[in-house]
Amino acid sequence: MRKKKEEEEAFWAEYIEQRKKQKAKEEEELRKLKERQIKRKERRKEEEKKLLELKKQQEAQRIKEMEEKKAREAEAKKKRLEEAEKKRQAMQDALQPKKFQEPVTPNFIITKRAEDGSVVPGIDKVRSH
């Protein structure tokens, strides 16, 4: 009976030892798994950070391009307005000498009335050219 008890104790001791080894192995695997998980999270975080930075750069580039386009459009509009003003000024300058060449004459005459209210004789109401 003693021998049986010793065998049983040896069996349980060996079982406990195997169980400890198995548990240590499982814990090591779990630790490695957690380390890989942490590394994946860090990589994902870095990738998200890079992606966010890329998006910011793209947005900044888009805004810059829009501002440049607006500036080009404003410059083109300014040129068009300057050209239109030059044409208007040229037309005005072309018309200006004609005004001074032809004397302006009224097509009517203002008649004065005498103190008694009668029209002064000898002055035509309308002058013919």
C-alpha atoms as a PDB file:
ATOM      1  CA  MET A   1       0.000   0.000   0.000  1.00  0.00           C
ATOM      2  CA  ARG A   2       2.845   2.290   0.702  1.00  0.00           C
ATOM      3  CA  LYS A   3       4.278   1.627  -2.666  1.00  0.00           C
ATOM      4  CA  LYS A   4       0.961   2.411  -4.242  1.00  0.00           C
ATOM      5  CA  LYS A   5       0.755   5.639  -2.281  1.00  0.00           C
ATOM      6  CA  GLU A   6       4.282   6.614  -3.312  1.00  0.00           C
ATOM      7  CA  GLU A   7       3.454   5.852  -6.938  1.00  0.00           C
ATOM      8  CA  GLU A   8       0.348   7.935  -6.622  1.00  0.00           C
ATOM      9  CA  GLU A   9       2.290  10.814  -5.072  1.00  0.00           C
ATOM     10  CA  ALA A  10       4.936  10.540  -7.788  1.00  0.00           C
ATOM     11  CA  PHE A  11       2.200  10.527 -10.413  1.00  0.00           C
ATOM     12  CA  TRP A  12       0.598  13.648  -8.938  1.00  0.00           C
ATOM     13  CA  ALA A  13       3.962  15.356  -8.532  1.00  0.00           C
ATOM     14  CA  GLU A  14       4.754  14.621 -12.178  1.00  0.00           C
ATOM     15  CA  TYR A  15       1.271  15.763 -13.187  1.00  0.00           C
ATOM     16  CA  ILE A  16       1.694  19.002 -11.229  1.00  0.00           C
ATOM     17  CA  GLU A  17       5.132  19.527 -12.790  1.00  0.00           C
ATOM     18  CA  GLN A  18       3.742  18.944 -16.286  1.00  0.00           C
ATOM     19  CA  ARG A  19       0.851  21.256 -15.515  1.00  0.00           C
ATOM     20  CA  LYS A  20       3.269  23.983 -14.351  1.00  0.00           C
ATOM     21  CA  LYS A  21       5.300  23.577 -17.565  1.00  0.00           C
ATOM     22  CA  GLN A  22       2.110  23.682 -19.638  1.00  0.00           C
ATOM     23  CA  LYS A  23       0.915  26.785 -17.790  1.00  0.00           C
ATOM     24  CA  ALA A  24       4.304  28.496 -18.240  1.00  0.00           C
ATOM     25  CA  LYS A  25       4.206  27.641 -21.946  1.00  0.00           C
ATOM     26  CA  GLU A  26       0.667  29.038 -22.287  1.00  0.00           C
ATOM     27  CA  GLU A  27       1.635  32.190 -20.403  1.00  0.00           C
ATOM     28  CA  GLU A  28       4.658  32.638 -22.690  1.00  0.00           C
ATOM     29  CA  GLU A  29       2.445  32.230 -25.757  1.00  0.00           C
ATOM     30  CA  LEU A  30      -0.041  34.722 -24.302  1.00  0.00           C
ATOM     31  CA  ARG A  31       2.774  37.192 -23.596  1.00  0.00           C
ATOM     32  CA  LYS A  32       4.065  36.850 -27.176  1.00  0.00           C
ATOM     33  CA  LEU A  33       0.541  37.268 -28.517  1.00  0.00           C
ATOM     34  CA  LYS A  34       0.065  40.433 -26.467  1.00  0.00           C
ATOM     35  CA  GLU A  35       3.417  41.804 -27.684  1.00  0.00           C
ATOM     36  CA  ARG A  36       2.413  41.185 -31.296  1.00  0.00           C
ATOM     37  CA  GLN A  37      -0.929  42.852 -30.613  1.00  0.00           C
ATOM     38  CA  ILE A  38       0.809  45.900 -29.117  1.00  0.00           C
ATOM     39  CA  LYS A  39       3.155  46.092 -32.116  1.00  0.00           C
ATOM     40  CA  ARG A  40       0.181  45.894 -34.494  1.00  0.00           C
ATOM     41  CA  LYS A  41      -1.565  48.689 -32.605  1.00  0.00           C
ATOM     42  CA  GLU A  42       1.566  50.844 -32.771  1.00  0.00           C
ATOM     43  CA  ARG A  43       1.947  50.188 -36.512  1.00  0.00           C
ATOM     44  CA  ARG A  44      -1.714  50.996 -37.075  1.00  0.00           C
ATOM     45  CA  LYS A  45      -1.350  54.182 -35.043  1.00  0.00           C
ATOM     46  CA  GLU A  46       1.694  55.225 -37.109  1.00  0.00           C
ATOM     47  CA  GLU A  47      -0.129  54.453 -40.361  1.00  0.00           C
ATOM     48  CA  GLU A  48      -3.130  56.508 -39.240  1.00  0.00           C
ATOM     49  CA  LYS A  49      -0.809  59.342 -38.285  1.00  0.00           C
ATOM     50  CA  LYS A  50       0.872  59.224 -41.714  1.00  0.00           C
ATOM     51  CA  LEU A  51      -2.508  59.065 -43.443  1.00  0.00           C
ATOM     52  CA  LEU A  52      -3.771  62.050 -41.454  1.00  0.00           C
ATOM     53  CA  GLU A  53      -0.627  64.006 -42.342  1.00  0.00           C
ATOM     54  CA  LEU A  54      -1.084  63.102 -46.005  1.00  0.00           C
ATOM     55  CA  LYS A  55      -4.700  64.279 -45.889  1.00  0.00           C
ATOM     56  CA  LYS A  56      -3.605  67.565 -44.307  1.00  0.00           C
ATOM     57  CA  GLN A  57      -1.003  68.060 -47.034  1.00  0.00           C
ATOM     58  CA  GLN A  58      -3.542  67.296 -49.749  1.00  0.00           C
ATOM     59  CA  GLU A  59      -6.041  69.735 -48.226  1.00  0.00           C
ATOM     60  CA  ALA A  60      -3.356  72.425 -47.961  1.00  0.00           C
ATOM     61  CA  GLN A  61      -2.380  71.794 -51.597  1.00  0.00           C
ATOM     62  CA  ARG A  62      -6.033  71.985 -52.680  1.00  0.00           C
ATOM     63  CA  ILE A  63      -6.525  75.276 -50.828  1.00  0.00           C
ATOM     64  CA  LYS A  64      -3.305  76.669 -52.314  1.00  0.00           C
ATOM     65  CA  GLU A  65      -4.417  75.701 -55.827  1.00  0.00           C
ATOM     66  CA  MET A  66      -7.826  77.308 -55.258  1.00  0.00           C
ATOM     67  CA  GLU A  67      -6.198  80.526 -54.044  1.00  0.00           C
ATOM     68  CA  GLU A  68      -3.849  80.557 -57.036  1.00  0.00           C
ATOM     69  CA  LYS A  69      -6.801  80.014 -59.365  1.00  0.00           C
ATOM     70  CA  LYS A  70      -8.709  82.881 -57.731  1.00  0.00           C
ATOM     71  CA  ALA A  71      -5.648  85.110 -58.052  1.00  0.00           C
ATOM     72  CA  ARG A  72      -5.273  84.220 -61.748  1.00  0.00           C
ATOM     73  CA  GLU A  73      -8.972  84.891 -62.338  1.00  0.00           C
ATOM     74  CA  ALA A  74      -8.750  88.216 -60.498  1.00  0.00           C
ATOM     75  CA  GLU A  75      -5.694  89.178 -62.560  1.00  0.00           C
ATOM     76  CA  ALA A  76      -7.493  88.240 -65.791  1.00  0.00           C
ATOM     77  CA  LYS A  77     -10.541  90.254 -64.727  1.00  0.00           C
ATOM     78  CA  LYS A  78      -8.322  93.211 -63.880  1.00  0.00           C
ATOM     79  CA  LYS A  79      -6.698  93.000 -67.328  1.00  0.00           C
ATOM     80  CA  ARG A  80     -10.098  92.824 -69.024  1.00  0.00           C
ATOM     81  CA  LEU A  81     -11.283  95.863 -67.089  1.00  0.00           C
ATOM     82  CA  GLU A  82      -8.103  97.766 -67.927  1.00  0.00           C
ATOM     83  CA  GLU A  83      -8.521  96.918 -71.624  1.00  0.00           C
ATOM     84  CA  ALA A  84     -12.167  97.984 -71.528  1.00  0.00           C
ATOM     85  CA  GLU A  85     -11.169 101.236 -69.816  1.00  0.00           C
ATOM     86  CA  LYS A  86      -8.479 101.844 -72.455  1.00  0.00           C
ATOM     87  CA  LYS A  87     -11.013 101.267 -75.233  1.00  0.00           C
ATOM     88  CA  ARG A  88     -13.521 103.547 -73.531  1.00  0.00           C
ATOM     89  CA  GLN A  89     -10.874 106.221 -73.072  1.00  0.00           C
ATOM     90  CA  ALA A  90      -9.771 105.868 -76.710  1.00  0.00           C
ATOM     91  CA  MET A  91     -13.356 106.243 -77.889  1.00  0.00           C
ATOM     92  CA  GLN A  92     -13.822 109.248 -75.641  1.00  0.00           C
ATOM     93  CA  ASP A  93     -10.583 110.787 -76.900  1.00  0.00           C
ATOM     94  CA  ALA A  94     -11.700 110.155 -80.495  1.00  0.00           C
ATOM     95  CA  LEU A  95     -15.003 111.916 -79.844  1.00  0.00           C
ATOM     96  CA  GLN A  96     -13.502 114.779 -77.858  1.00  0.00           C
ATOM     97  CA  PRO A  97     -11.867 116.684 -80.778  1.00  0.00           C
ATOM     98  CA  LYS A  98     -15.115 116.631 -82.759  1.00  0.00           C
ATOM     99  CA  LYS A  99     -16.878 118.476 -79.980  1.00  0.00           C
ATOM    100  CA  PHE A 100     -14.368 121.287 -80.067  1.00  0.00           C
ATOM    101  CA  GLN A 101     -14.351 121.542 -83.869  1.00  0.00           C
ATOM    102  CA  GLU A 102     -18.057 122.258 -84.183  1.00  0.00           C
ATOM    103  CA  PRO A 103     -19.159 125.327 -82.255  1.00  0.00           C
ATOM    104  CA  VAL A 104     -22.196 124.790 -80.164  1.00  0.00           C
ATOM    105  CA  THR A 105     -25.037 127.070 -81.234  1.00  0.00           C
ATOM    106  CA  PRO A 106     -28.415 127.101 -79.627  1.00  0.00           C
ATOM    107  CA  ASN A 107     -31.378 126.344 -81.825  1.00  0.00           C
ATOM    108  CA  PHE A 108     -33.462 128.956 -80.025  1.00  0.00           C
ATOM    109  CA  ILE A 109     -33.160 132.549 -78.820  1.00  0.00           C
ATOM    110  CA  ILE A 110     -34.337 133.903 -75.533  1.00  0.00           C
ATOM    111  CA  THR A 111     -36.313 137.095 -76.090  1.00  0.00           C
ATOM    112  CA  LYS A 112     -36.437 139.845 -73.568  1.00  0.00           C
ATOM    113  CA  ARG A 113     -39.645 141.572 -72.742  1.00  0.00           C
ATOM    114  CA  ALA A 114     -39.924 145.256 -72.354  1.00  0.00           C
ATOM    115  CA  GLU A 115     -41.057 146.728 -69.058  1.00  0.00           C
ATOM    116  CA  ASP A 116     -44.585 146.943 -70.286  1.00  0.00           C
ATOM    117  CA  GLY A 117     -44.585 143.170 -71.043  1.00  0.00           C
ATOM    118  CA  SER A 118     -44.358 143.404 -74.814  1.00  0.00           C
ATOM    119  CA  VAL A 119     -41.703 141.530 -76.771  1.00  0.00           C
ATOM    120  CA  VAL A 120     -38.806 143.655 -77.945  1.00  0.00           C
ATOM    121  CA  PRO A 121     -39.114 144.042 -81.719  1.00  0.00           C
ATOM    122  CA  GLY A 122     -36.417 142.924 -84.131  1.00  0.00           C
ATOM    123  CA  ILE A 123     -35.350 139.716 -82.363  1.00  0.00           C
ATOM    124  CA  ASP A 124     -36.305 136.402 -83.924  1.00  0.00           C
ATOM    125  CA  LYS A 125     -37.571 133.663 -81.682  1.00  0.00           C
ATOM    126  CA  VAL A 126     -35.807 130.865 -83.551  1.00  0.00           C
ATOM    127  CA  ARG A 127     -32.560 131.321 -85.350  1.00  0.00           C
ATOM    128  CA  SER A 128     -32.033 129.298 -88.489  1.00  0.00           C
ATOM    129  CA  HIS A 129     -28.634 127.988 -89.310  1.00  0.00           C
END
